[in-house]
Amino acid sequence: MKTKNPEPNEARLRGLLRDARPTPPLPPRFQEAVWRRIEKAEAEAPREAASPVAWLDRLVERLLRPRWALAGITALLLVSGVAGLLSGTEAAKQAAQTRYLSAVAPNTIR
C-alpha cells in the first residue's frame, strides 16, 4: 500500500532504476532520413491523385476502416434481408394463386 510520504530511499531507488535503463542512441542522420521520407511521400501524393483508379483506391481504403466496414456490412444485410422478404412474398403469392386455380379449375393447370 502506498503511503502519502515516500521514503527517501524510494526516490533514490527510482533514480537508480531510471539511470540503469539504457536508451539506445538514434542512428546517424535520423532526422534527415525522416524528413526525406516525408518529402518523398508528399511528392508521391499528387502523382497518385492523377492516376485514373486513385479514387477507387481511396474509396476502398475508407471502406475498409472498421466503422465504415461495419456500416457497410450492416447495410448489405439490411438490403439483402429486404430483397429476400420481397422475393419470398412474391413466391408465396404465386403459390397461393396456383393453389387457388387448382382448386377452382383443376384441369387448366399443367
PDB file of N, CA and C in Angstrom:
ATOM      1  N   MET A   1       0.835  -1.168   0.000  1.00  0.00           N
ATOM      2  CA  MET A   1       0.000   0.000   0.000  1.00  0.00           C
ATOM      3  C   MET A   1       0.885   1.238   0.000  1.00  0.00           C
ATOM      4  N   LYS A   2       0.521   2.228  -0.792  1.00  0.00           N
ATOM      5  CA  LYS A   2       1.322   3.444  -0.882  1.00  0.00           C
ATOM      6  C   LYS A   2       1.045   4.341   0.315  1.00  0.00           C
ATOM      7  N   THR A   3       2.098   4.961   0.751  1.00  0.00           N
ATOM      8  CA  THR A   3       1.943   5.943   1.825  1.00  0.00           C
ATOM      9  C   THR A   3       1.984   7.329   1.221  1.00  0.00           C
ATOM     10  N   LYS A   4       1.504   8.304   1.986  1.00  0.00           N
ATOM     11  CA  LYS A   4       1.484   9.663   1.479  1.00  0.00           C
ATOM     12  C   LYS A   4       2.881  10.250   1.377  1.00  0.00           C
ATOM     13  N   ASN A   5       3.729   9.914   2.285  1.00  0.00           N
ATOM     14  CA  ASN A   5       5.095  10.427   2.289  1.00  0.00           C
ATOM     15  C   ASN A   5       6.044   9.323   1.841  1.00  0.00           C
ATOM     16  N   PRO A   6       6.587   9.442   0.622  1.00  0.00           N
ATOM     17  CA  PRO A   6       7.510   8.391   0.181  1.00  0.00           C
ATOM     18  C   PRO A   6       8.809   8.454   0.981  1.00  0.00           C
ATOM     19  N   GLU A   7       9.386   7.294   1.154  1.00  0.00           N
ATOM     20  CA  GLU A   7      10.642   7.216   1.880  1.00  0.00           C
ATOM     21  C   GLU A   7      11.760   7.819   1.032  1.00  0.00           C
ATOM     22  N   PRO A   8      12.795   8.350   1.647  1.00  0.00           N
ATOM     23  CA  PRO A   8      13.902   8.925   0.873  1.00  0.00           C
ATOM     24  C   PRO A   8      14.611   7.874   0.031  1.00  0.00           C
ATOM     25  N   ASN A   9      14.634   6.638   0.500  1.00  0.00           N
ATOM     26  CA  ASN A   9      15.284   5.569  -0.267  1.00  0.00           C
ATOM     27  C   ASN A   9      14.513   5.269  -1.555  1.00  0.00           C
ATOM     28  N   GLU A  10      13.204   5.476  -1.514  1.00  0.00           N
ATOM     29  CA  GLU A  10      12.383   5.196  -2.691  1.00  0.00           C
ATOM     30  C   GLU A  10      12.732   6.139  -3.842  1.00  0.00           C
ATOM     31  N   ALA A  11      12.927   7.408  -3.544  1.00  0.00           N
ATOM     32  CA  ALA A  11      13.297   8.376  -4.576  1.00  0.00           C
ATOM     33  C   ALA A  11      14.674   8.033  -5.147  1.00  0.00           C
ATOM     34  N   ARG A  12      15.578   7.641  -4.305  1.00  0.00           N
ATOM     35  CA  ARG A  12      16.919   7.270  -4.767  1.00  0.00           C
ATOM     36  C   ARG A  12      16.849   6.004  -5.626  1.00  0.00           C
ATOM     37  N   LEU A  13      15.997   5.064  -5.213  1.00  0.00           N
ATOM     38  CA  LEU A  13      15.843   3.829  -5.979  1.00  0.00           C
ATOM     39  C   LEU A  13      15.252   4.125  -7.359  1.00  0.00           C
ATOM     40  N   ARG A  14      14.269   5.007  -7.422  1.00  0.00           N
ATOM     41  CA  ARG A  14      13.692   5.382  -8.711  1.00  0.00           C
ATOM     42  C   ARG A  14      14.742   6.004  -9.619  1.00  0.00           C
ATOM     43  N   GLY A  15      15.572   6.853  -9.060  1.00  0.00           N
ATOM     44  CA  GLY A  15      16.646   7.475  -9.850  1.00  0.00           C
ATOM     45  C   GLY A  15      17.626   6.442 -10.366  1.00  0.00           C
ATOM     46  N   LEU A  16      17.997   5.479  -9.544  1.00  0.00           N
ATOM     47  CA  LEU A  16      18.909   4.414  -9.977  1.00  0.00           C
ATOM     48  C   LEU A  16      18.286   3.569 -11.086  1.00  0.00           C
ATOM     49  N   LEU A  17      17.008   3.232 -10.927  1.00  0.00           N
ATOM     50  CA  LEU A  17      16.343   2.428 -11.954  1.00  0.00           C
ATOM     51  C   LEU A  17      16.235   3.196 -13.270  1.00  0.00           C
ATOM     52  N   ARG A  18      15.958   4.486 -13.193  1.00  0.00           N
ATOM     53  CA  ARG A  18      15.860   5.293 -14.402  1.00  0.00           C
ATOM     54  C   ARG A  18      17.215   5.385 -15.102  1.00  0.00           C
ATOM     55  N   ASP A  19      18.287   5.516 -14.329  1.00  0.00           N
ATOM     56  CA  ASP A  19      19.622   5.597 -14.919  1.00  0.00           C
ATOM     57  C   ASP A  19      20.100   4.249 -15.452  1.00  0.00           C
ATOM     58  N   ALA A  20      19.589   3.163 -14.870  1.00  0.00           N
ATOM     59  CA  ALA A  20      20.034   1.832 -15.289  1.00  0.00           C
ATOM     60  C   ALA A  20      19.391   1.401 -16.604  1.00  0.00           C
ATOM     61  N   ARG A  21      18.278   2.009 -16.972  1.00  0.00           N
ATOM     62  CA  ARG A  21      17.595   1.639 -18.211  1.00  0.00           C
ATOM     63  C   ARG A  21      18.303   2.338 -19.378  1.00  0.00           C
ATOM     64  N   PRO A  22      18.958   1.568 -20.209  1.00  0.00           N
ATOM     65  CA  PRO A  22      19.703   2.210 -21.303  1.00  0.00           C
ATOM     66  C   PRO A  22      18.751   2.689 -22.401  1.00  0.00           C
ATOM     67  N   THR A  23      19.049   3.829 -22.951  1.00  0.00           N
ATOM     68  CA  THR A  23      18.309   4.333 -24.098  1.00  0.00           C
ATOM     69  C   THR A  23      19.257   4.322 -25.283  1.00  0.00           C
ATOM     70  N   PRO A  24      18.944   3.533 -26.284  1.00  0.00           N
ATOM     71  CA  PRO A  24      19.866   3.439 -27.426  1.00  0.00           C
ATOM     72  C   PRO A  24      19.914   4.763 -28.181  1.00  0.00           C
ATOM     73  N   PRO A  25      21.068   5.113 -28.670  1.00  0.00           N
ATOM     74  CA  PRO A  25      21.163   6.365 -29.434  1.00  0.00           C
ATOM     75  C   PRO A  25      20.506   6.191 -30.809  1.00  0.00           C
ATOM     76  N   LEU A  26      20.032   7.289 -31.331  1.00  0.00           N
ATOM     77  CA  LEU A  26      19.419   7.261 -32.659  1.00  0.00           C
ATOM     78  C   LEU A  26      20.499   7.050 -33.711  1.00  0.00           C
ATOM     79  N   PRO A  27      20.139   6.424 -34.830  1.00  0.00           N
ATOM     80  CA  PRO A  27      21.125   6.226 -35.889  1.00  0.00           C
ATOM     81  C   PRO A  27      21.603   7.581 -36.428  1.00  0.00           C
ATOM     82  N   PRO A  28      22.760   7.603 -37.034  1.00  0.00           N
ATOM     83  CA  PRO A  28      23.247   8.861 -37.586  1.00  0.00           C
ATOM     84  C   PRO A  28      22.305   9.389 -38.676  1.00  0.00           C
ATOM     85  N   ARG A  29      22.109  10.686 -38.693  1.00  0.00           N
ATOM     86  CA  ARG A  29      21.257  11.379 -39.656  1.00  0.00           C
ATOM     87  C   ARG A  29      19.812  10.880 -39.618  1.00  0.00           C
ATOM     88  N   PHE A  30      19.339  10.576 -38.432  1.00  0.00           N
ATOM     89  CA  PHE A  30      17.987  10.050 -38.275  1.00  0.00           C
ATOM     90  C   PHE A  30      16.940  11.079 -38.709  1.00  0.00           C
ATOM     91  N   GLN A  31      17.049  12.298 -38.193  1.00  0.00           N
ATOM     92  CA  GLN A  31      16.075  13.329 -38.548  1.00  0.00           C
ATOM     93  C   GLN A  31      16.100  13.641 -40.040  1.00  0.00           C
ATOM     94  N   GLU A  32      17.268  13.634 -40.603  1.00  0.00           N
ATOM     95  CA  GLU A  32      17.390  13.902 -42.033  1.00  0.00           C
ATOM     96  C   GLU A  32      16.652  12.835 -42.847  1.00  0.00           C
ATOM     97  N   ALA A  33      16.789  11.578 -42.419  1.00  0.00           N
ATOM     98  CA  ALA A  33      16.121  10.483 -43.119  1.00  0.00           C
ATOM     99  C   ALA A  33      14.601  10.585 -42.961  1.00  0.00           C
ATOM    100  N   VAL A  34      14.159  10.997 -41.791  1.00  0.00           N
ATOM    101  CA  VAL A  34      12.719  11.139 -41.562  1.00  0.00           C
ATOM    102  C   VAL A  34      12.151  12.224 -42.473  1.00  0.00           C
ATOM    103  N   TRP A  35      12.821  13.367 -42.533  1.00  0.00           N
ATOM    104  CA  TRP A  35      12.334  14.453 -43.379  1.00  0.00           C
ATOM    105  C   TRP A  35      12.373  14.065 -44.860  1.00  0.00           C
ATOM    106  N   ARG A  36      13.356  13.292 -45.256  1.00  0.00           N
ATOM    107  CA  ARG A  36      13.435  12.828 -46.647  1.00  0.00           C
ATOM    108  C   ARG A  36      12.239  11.936 -46.974  1.00  0.00           C
ATOM    109  N   ARG A  37      11.868  11.060 -46.037  1.00  0.00           N
ATOM    110  CA  ARG A  37      10.718  10.185 -46.258  1.00  0.00           C
ATOM    111  C   ARG A  37       9.421  10.986 -46.326  1.00  0.00           C
ATOM    112  N   ILE A  38       9.309  12.020 -45.501  1.00  0.00           N
ATOM    113  CA  ILE A  38       8.116  12.864 -45.527  1.00  0.00           C
ATOM    114  C   ILE A  38       8.015  13.592 -46.860  1.00  0.00           C
ATOM    115  N   GLU A  39       9.118  14.148 -47.317  1.00  0.00           N
ATOM    116  CA  GLU A  39       9.114  14.851 -48.598  1.00  0.00           C
ATOM    117  C   GLU A  39       8.795  13.910 -49.755  1.00  0.00           C
ATOM    118  N   LYS A  40       9.313  12.705 -49.686  1.00  0.00           N
ATOM    119  CA  LYS A  40       9.043  11.725 -50.738  1.00  0.00           C
ATOM    120  C   LYS A  40       7.558  11.354 -50.761  1.00  0.00           C
ATOM    121  N   ALA A  41       6.963  11.167 -49.582  1.00  0.00           N
ATOM    122  CA  ALA A  41       5.540  10.826 -49.510  1.00  0.00           C
ATOM    123  C   ALA A  41       4.685  11.974 -50.033  1.00  0.00           C
ATOM    124  N   GLU A  42       5.065  13.202 -49.709  1.00  0.00           N
ATOM    125  CA  GLU A  42       4.313  14.352 -50.203  1.00  0.00           C
ATOM    126  C   GLU A  42       4.457  14.502 -51.719  1.00  0.00           C
ATOM    127  N   ALA A  43       5.620  14.155 -52.249  1.00  0.00           N
ATOM    128  CA  ALA A  43       5.825  14.254 -53.690  1.00  0.00           C
ATOM    129  C   ALA A  43       5.041  13.181 -54.442  1.00  0.00           C
ATOM    130  N   GLU A  44       4.857  12.015 -53.843  1.00  0.00           N
ATOM    131  CA  GLU A  44       4.122  10.930 -54.485  1.00  0.00           C
ATOM    132  C   GLU A  44       2.615  11.138 -54.425  1.00  0.00           C
ATOM    133  N   ALA A  45       2.120  11.918 -53.479  1.00  0.00           N
ATOM    134  CA  ALA A  45       0.682  12.112 -53.311  1.00  0.00           C
ATOM    135  C   ALA A  45       0.021  12.702 -54.562  1.00  0.00           C
ATOM    136  N   PRO A  46       0.560  13.776 -55.184  1.00  0.00           N
ATOM    137  CA  PRO A  46      -0.093  14.286 -56.397  1.00  0.00           C
ATOM    138  C   PRO A  46      -0.054  13.295 -57.557  1.00  0.00           C
ATOM    139  N   ARG A  47       1.013  12.522 -57.641  1.00  0.00           N
ATOM    140  CA  ARG A  47       1.114  11.538 -58.720  1.00  0.00           C
ATOM    141  C   ARG A  47       0.030  10.483 -58.563  1.00  0.00           C
ATOM    142  N   GLU A  48      -0.236  10.061 -57.322  1.00  0.00           N
ATOM    143  CA  GLU A  48      -1.281   9.066 -57.084  1.00  0.00           C
ATOM    144  C   GLU A  48      -2.653   9.640 -57.399  1.00  0.00           C
ATOM    145  N   ALA A  49      -2.862  10.910 -57.102  1.00  0.00           N
ATOM    146  CA  ALA A  49      -4.164  11.521 -57.348  1.00  0.00           C
ATOM    147  C   ALA A  49      -4.453  11.617 -58.846  1.00  0.00           C
ATOM    148  N   ALA A  50      -3.410  11.671 -59.662  1.00  0.00           N
ATOM    149  CA  ALA A  50      -3.603  11.805 -61.100  1.00  0.00           C
ATOM    150  C   ALA A  50      -3.951  10.478 -61.771  1.00  0.00           C
ATOM    151  N   SER A  51      -3.708   9.360 -61.119  1.00  0.00           N
ATOM    152  CA  SER A  51      -3.991   8.080 -61.761  1.00  0.00           C
ATOM    153  C   SER A  51      -5.505   7.866 -61.853  1.00  0.00           C
ATOM    154  N   PRO A  52      -5.956   7.174 -62.891  1.00  0.00           N
ATOM    155  CA  PRO A  52      -7.400   7.025 -63.116  1.00  0.00           C
ATOM    156  C   PRO A  52      -8.124   6.192 -62.055  1.00  0.00           C
ATOM    157  N   VAL A  53      -7.428   5.312 -61.375  1.00  0.00           N
ATOM    158  CA  VAL A  53      -8.092   4.484 -60.366  1.00  0.00           C
ATOM    159  C   VAL A  53      -7.761   4.926 -58.948  1.00  0.00           C
ATOM    160  N   ALA A  54      -7.191   6.112 -58.803  1.00  0.00           N
ATOM    161  CA  ALA A  54      -6.833   6.603 -57.467  1.00  0.00           C
ATOM    162  C   ALA A  54      -8.081   6.794 -56.611  1.00  0.00           C
ATOM    163  N   TRP A  55      -9.160   7.246 -57.200  1.00  0.00           N
ATOM    164  CA  TRP A  55     -10.391   7.443 -56.437  1.00  0.00           C
ATOM    165  C   TRP A  55     -10.923   6.119 -55.914  1.00  0.00           C
ATOM    166  N   LEU A  56     -10.739   5.062 -56.710  1.00  0.00           N
ATOM    167  CA  LEU A  56     -11.185   3.742 -56.269  1.00  0.00           C
ATOM    168  C   LEU A  56     -10.334   3.247 -55.103  1.00  0.00           C
ATOM    169  N   ASP A  57      -9.024   3.484 -55.194  1.00  0.00           N
ATOM    170  CA  ASP A  57      -8.147   3.106 -54.092  1.00  0.00           C
ATOM    171  C   ASP A  57      -8.524   3.844 -52.813  1.00  0.00           C
ATOM    172  N   ARG A  58      -8.794   5.145 -52.927  1.00  0.00           N
ATOM    173  CA  ARG A  58      -9.174   5.927 -51.745  1.00  0.00           C
ATOM    174  C   ARG A  58     -10.511   5.445 -51.185  1.00  0.00           C
ATOM    175  N   LEU A  59     -11.450   5.100 -52.056  1.00  0.00           N
ATOM    176  CA  LEU A  59     -12.755   4.612 -51.619  1.00  0.00           C
ATOM    177  C   LEU A  59     -12.613   3.289 -50.860  1.00  0.00           C
ATOM    178  N   VAL A  60     -11.850   2.374 -51.430  1.00  0.00           N
ATOM    179  CA  VAL A  60     -11.649   1.076 -50.774  1.00  0.00           C
ATOM    180  C   VAL A  60     -10.919   1.262 -49.454  1.00  0.00           C
ATOM    181  N   GLU A  61      -9.941   2.162 -49.426  1.00  0.00           N
ATOM    182  CA  GLU A  61      -9.207   2.422 -48.190  1.00  0.00           C
ATOM    183  C   GLU A  61     -10.143   2.945 -47.106  1.00  0.00           C
ATOM    184  N   ARG A  62     -11.052   3.824 -47.474  1.00  0.00           N
ATOM    185  CA  ARG A  62     -12.001   4.363 -46.491  1.00  0.00           C
ATOM    186  C   ARG A  62     -13.011   3.302 -46.065  1.00  0.00           C
ATOM    187  N   LEU A  63     -13.457   2.482 -47.000  1.00  0.00           N
ATOM    188  CA  LEU A  63     -14.455   1.472 -46.660  1.00  0.00           C
ATOM    189  C   LEU A  63     -13.897   0.365 -45.782  1.00  0.00           C
ATOM    190  N   LEU A  64     -12.597   0.151 -45.825  1.00  0.00           N
ATOM    191  CA  LEU A  64     -12.003  -0.907 -45.020  1.00  0.00           C
ATOM    192  C   LEU A  64     -11.682  -0.462 -43.599  1.00  0.00           C
ATOM    193  N   ARG A  65     -11.963   0.784 -43.280  1.00  0.00           N
ATOM    194  CA  ARG A  65     -11.815   1.226 -41.896  1.00  0.00           C
ATOM    195  C   ARG A  65     -12.918   0.556 -41.089  1.00  0.00           C
ATOM    196  N   PRO A  66     -12.638   0.193 -39.846  1.00  0.00           N
ATOM    197  CA  PRO A  66     -13.603  -0.608 -39.075  1.00  0.00           C
ATOM    198  C   PRO A  66     -15.009  -0.033 -39.002  1.00  0.00           C
ATOM    199  N   ARG A  67     -15.153   1.269 -38.765  1.00  0.00           N
ATOM    200  CA  ARG A  67     -16.510   1.793 -38.613  1.00  0.00           C
ATOM    201  C   ARG A  67     -17.269   1.763 -39.932  1.00  0.00           C
ATOM    202  N   TRP A  68     -16.581   2.039 -41.044  1.00  0.00           N
ATOM    203  CA  TRP A  68     -17.257   2.009 -42.337  1.00  0.00           C
ATOM    204  C   TRP A  68     -17.512   0.580 -42.788  1.00  0.00           C
ATOM    205  N   ALA A  69     -16.603  -0.328 -42.436  1.00  0.00           N
ATOM    206  CA  ALA A  69     -16.814  -1.734 -42.785  1.00  0.00           C
ATOM    207  C   ALA A  69     -18.047  -2.268 -42.059  1.00  0.00           C
ATOM    208  N   LEU A  70     -18.193  -1.917 -40.792  1.00  0.00           N
ATOM    209  CA  LEU A  70     -19.359  -2.355 -40.027  1.00  0.00           C
ATOM    210  C   LEU A  70     -20.636  -1.750 -40.604  1.00  0.00           C
ATOM    211  N   ALA A  71     -20.597  -0.484 -40.960  1.00  0.00           N
ATOM    212  CA  ALA A  71     -21.766   0.162 -41.553  1.00  0.00           C
ATOM    213  C   ALA A  71     -22.105  -0.478 -42.903  1.00  0.00           C
ATOM    214  N   GLY A  72     -21.090  -0.786 -43.690  1.00  0.00           N
ATOM    215  CA  GLY A  72     -21.325  -1.418 -44.989  1.00  0.00           C
ATOM    216  C   GLY A  72     -21.915  -2.809 -44.858  1.00  0.00           C
ATOM    217  N   ILE A  73     -21.399  -3.579 -43.926  1.00  0.00           N
ATOM    218  CA  ILE A  73     -21.925  -4.931 -43.713  1.00  0.00           C
ATOM    219  C   ILE A  73     -23.369  -4.861 -43.219  1.00  0.00           C
ATOM    220  N   THR A  74     -23.642  -3.906 -42.323  1.00  0.00           N
ATOM    221  CA  THR A  74     -24.998  -3.745 -41.814  1.00  0.00           C
ATOM    222  C   THR A  74     -25.961  -3.365 -42.943  1.00  0.00           C
ATOM    223  N   ALA A  75     -25.550  -2.425 -43.784  1.00  0.00           N
ATOM    224  CA  ALA A  75     -26.398  -2.017 -44.911  1.00  0.00           C
ATOM    225  C   ALA A  75     -26.612  -3.182 -45.875  1.00  0.00           C
ATOM    226  N   LEU A  76     -25.553  -3.946 -46.136  1.00  0.00           N
ATOM    227  CA  LEU A  76     -25.674  -5.099 -47.027  1.00  0.00           C
ATOM    228  C   LEU A  76     -26.647  -6.136 -46.463  1.00  0.00           C
ATOM    229  N   LEU A  77     -26.573  -6.382 -45.167  1.00  0.00           N
ATOM    230  CA  LEU A  77     -27.504  -7.331 -44.551  1.00  0.00           C
ATOM    231  C   LEU A  77     -28.943  -6.829 -44.614  1.00  0.00           C
ATOM    232  N   LEU A  78     -29.139  -5.538 -44.389  1.00  0.00           N
ATOM    233  CA  LEU A  78     -30.493  -4.987 -44.460  1.00  0.00           C
ATOM    234  C   LEU A  78     -31.057  -5.070 -45.875  1.00  0.00           C
ATOM    235  N   VAL A  79     -30.262  -4.705 -46.855  1.00  0.00           N
ATOM    236  CA  VAL A  79     -30.719  -4.741 -48.250  1.00  0.00           C
ATOM    237  C   VAL A  79     -31.011  -6.174 -48.674  1.00  0.00           C
ATOM    238  N   SER A  80     -30.134  -7.096 -48.309  1.00  0.00           N
ATOM    239  CA  SER A  80     -30.381  -8.493 -48.704  1.00  0.00           C
ATOM    240  C   SER A  80     -31.586  -9.069 -47.971  1.00  0.00           C
ATOM    241  N   GLY A  81     -31.809  -8.651 -46.726  1.00  0.00           N
ATOM    242  CA  GLY A  81     -32.992  -9.105 -45.993  1.00  0.00           C
ATOM    243  C   GLY A  81     -34.270  -8.602 -46.628  1.00  0.00           C
ATOM    244  N   VAL A  82     -34.280  -7.332 -47.023  1.00  0.00           N
ATOM    245  CA  VAL A  82     -35.465  -6.773 -47.682  1.00  0.00           C
ATOM    246  C   VAL A  82     -35.688  -7.458 -49.032  1.00  0.00           C
ATOM    247  N   ALA A  83     -34.605  -7.680 -49.790  1.00  0.00           N
ATOM    248  CA  ALA A  83     -34.745  -8.353 -51.085  1.00  0.00           C
ATOM    249  C   ALA A  83     -35.274  -9.777 -50.899  1.00  0.00           C
ATOM    250  N   GLY A  84     -34.789 -10.480 -49.890  1.00  0.00           N
ATOM    251  CA  GLY A  84     -35.288 -11.826 -49.609  1.00  0.00           C
ATOM    252  C   GLY A  84     -36.742 -11.826 -49.188  1.00  0.00           C
ATOM    253  N   LEU A  85     -37.120 -10.833 -48.411  1.00  0.00           N
ATOM    254  CA  LEU A  85     -38.509 -10.722 -47.975  1.00  0.00           C
ATOM    255  C   LEU A  85     -39.427 -10.467 -49.168  1.00  0.00           C
ATOM    256  N   LEU A  86     -39.022  -9.567 -50.047  1.00  0.00           N
ATOM    257  CA  LEU A  86     -39.833  -9.288 -51.239  1.00  0.00           C
ATOM    258  C   LEU A  86     -39.920 -10.503 -52.150  1.00  0.00           C
ATOM    259  N   SER A  87     -38.789 -11.190 -52.315  1.00  0.00           N
ATOM    260  CA  SER A  87     -38.790 -12.385 -53.162  1.00  0.00           C
ATOM    261  C   SER A  87     -39.671 -13.488 -52.564  1.00  0.00           C
ATOM    262  N   GLY A  88     -39.578 -13.660 -51.258  1.00  0.00           N
ATOM    263  CA  GLY A  88     -40.403 -14.667 -50.588  1.00  0.00           C
ATOM    264  C   GLY A  88     -41.875 -14.337 -50.655  1.00  0.00           C
ATOM    265  N   THR A  89     -42.208 -13.057 -50.544  1.00  0.00           N
ATOM    266  CA  THR A  89     -43.609 -12.629 -50.648  1.00  0.00           C
ATOM    267  C   THR A  89     -44.149 -12.916 -52.037  1.00  0.00           C
ATOM    268  N   GLU A  90     -43.343 -12.625 -53.054  1.00  0.00           N
ATOM    269  CA  GLU A  90     -43.768 -12.881 -54.433  1.00  0.00           C
ATOM    270  C   GLU A  90     -43.943 -14.381 -54.679  1.00  0.00           C
ATOM    271  N   ALA A  91     -43.026 -15.185 -54.151  1.00  0.00           N
ATOM    272  CA  ALA A  91     -43.138 -16.640 -54.325  1.00  0.00           C
ATOM    273  C   ALA A  91     -44.372 -17.180 -53.602  1.00  0.00           C
ATOM    274  N   ALA A  92     -44.651 -16.663 -52.427  1.00  0.00           N
ATOM    275  CA  ALA A  92     -45.833 -17.107 -51.685  1.00  0.00           C
ATOM    276  C   ALA A  92     -47.114 -16.707 -52.410  1.00  0.00           C
ATOM    277  N   LYS A  93     -47.097 -15.510 -53.009  1.00  0.00           N
ATOM    278  CA  LYS A  93     -48.268 -15.036 -53.757  1.00  0.00           C
ATOM    279  C   LYS A  93     -48.541 -15.937 -54.964  1.00  0.00           C
ATOM    280  N   GLN A  94     -47.465 -16.305 -55.669  1.00  0.00           N
ATOM    281  CA  GLN A  94     -47.647 -17.182 -56.837  1.00  0.00           C
ATOM    282  C   GLN A  94     -48.114 -18.571 -56.412  1.00  0.00           C
ATOM    283  N   ALA A  95     -47.587 -19.070 -55.309  1.00  0.00           N
ATOM    284  CA  ALA A  95     -48.016 -20.388 -54.825  1.00  0.00           C
ATOM    285  C   ALA A  95     -49.488 -20.360 -54.434  1.00  0.00           C
ATOM    286  N   ALA A  96     -49.912 -19.269 -53.816  1.00  0.00           N
ATOM    287  CA  ALA A  96     -51.327 -19.147 -53.433  1.00  0.00           C
ATOM    288  C   ALA A  96     -52.207 -19.070 -54.669  1.00  0.00           C
ATOM    289  N   GLN A  97     -51.779 -18.343 -55.705  1.00  0.00           N
ATOM    290  CA  GLN A  97     -52.551 -18.268 -56.946  1.00  0.00           C
ATOM    291  C   GLN A  97     -52.658 -19.642 -57.597  1.00  0.00           C
ATOM    292  N   THR A  98     -51.569 -20.389 -57.600  1.00  0.00           N
ATOM    293  CA  THR A  98     -51.574 -21.727 -58.197  1.00  0.00           C
ATOM    294  C   THR A  98     -52.521 -22.649 -57.438  1.00  0.00           C
ATOM    295  N   ARG A  99     -52.485 -22.590 -56.110  1.00  0.00           N
ATOM    296  CA  ARG A  99     -53.386 -23.426 -55.305  1.00  0.00           C
ATOM    297  C   ARG A  99     -54.858 -23.052 -55.544  1.00  0.00           C
ATOM    298  N   TYR A 100     -55.128 -21.771 -55.649  1.00  0.00           N
ATOM    299  CA  TYR A 100     -56.500 -21.310 -55.892  1.00  0.00           C
ATOM    300  C   TYR A 100     -56.982 -21.790 -57.256  1.00  0.00           C
ATOM    301  N   LEU A 101     -56.109 -21.608 -58.256  1.00  0.00           N
ATOM    302  CA  LEU A 101     -56.501 -22.025 -59.598  1.00  0.00           C
ATOM    303  C   LEU A 101     -56.708 -23.532 -59.667  1.00  0.00           C
ATOM    304  N   SER A 102     -55.881 -24.296 -58.965  1.00  0.00           N
ATOM    305  CA  SER A 102     -56.059 -25.753 -58.985  1.00  0.00           C
ATOM    306  C   SER A 102     -57.317 -26.168 -58.239  1.00  0.00           C
ATOM    307  N   ALA A 103     -57.754 -25.363 -57.257  1.00  0.00           N
ATOM    308  CA  ALA A 103     -58.994 -25.684 -56.539  1.00  0.00           C
ATOM    309  C   ALA A 103     -60.216 -25.315 -57.361  1.00  0.00           C
ATOM    310  N   VAL A 104     -60.141 -24.214 -58.127  1.00  0.00           N
ATOM    311  CA  VAL A 104     -61.291 -23.748 -58.884  1.00  0.00           C
ATOM    312  C   VAL A 104     -61.399 -24.488 -60.226  1.00  0.00           C
ATOM    313  N   ALA A 105     -60.293 -24.605 -60.935  1.00  0.00           N
ATOM    314  CA  ALA A 105     -60.300 -25.257 -62.245  1.00  0.00           C
ATOM    315  C   ALA A 105     -59.087 -26.171 -62.336  1.00  0.00           C
ATOM    316  N   PRO A 106     -59.203 -27.381 -61.795  1.00  0.00           N
ATOM    317  CA  PRO A 106     -58.044 -28.273 -61.747  1.00  0.00           C
ATOM    318  C   PRO A 106     -57.537 -28.716 -63.120  1.00  0.00           C
ATOM    319  N   ASN A 107     -58.348 -28.705 -64.155  1.00  0.00           N
ATOM    320  CA  ASN A 107     -57.908 -29.195 -65.458  1.00  0.00           C
ATOM    321  C   ASN A 107     -57.079 -28.153 -66.237  1.00  0.00           C
ATOM    322  N   THR A 108     -57.071 -26.906 -65.783  1.00  0.00           N
ATOM    323  CA  THR A 108     -56.353 -25.859 -66.547  1.00  0.00           C
ATOM    324  C   THR A 108     -54.880 -25.799 -66.194  1.00  0.00           C
ATOM    325  N   ILE A 109     -54.462 -26.360 -65.093  1.00  0.00           N
ATOM    326  CA  ILE A 109     -53.047 -26.319 -64.689  1.00  0.00           C
ATOM    327  C   ILE A 109     -52.311 -27.512 -65.289  1.00  0.00           C
ATOM    328  N   ARG A 110     -51.185 -27.241 -65.897  1.00  0.00           N
ATOM    329  CA  ARG A 110     -50.395 -28.335 -66.475  1.00  0.00           C
ATOM    330  C   ARG A 110     -49.053 -28.372 -65.859  1.00  0.00           C
TER     331      ARG A 110
END
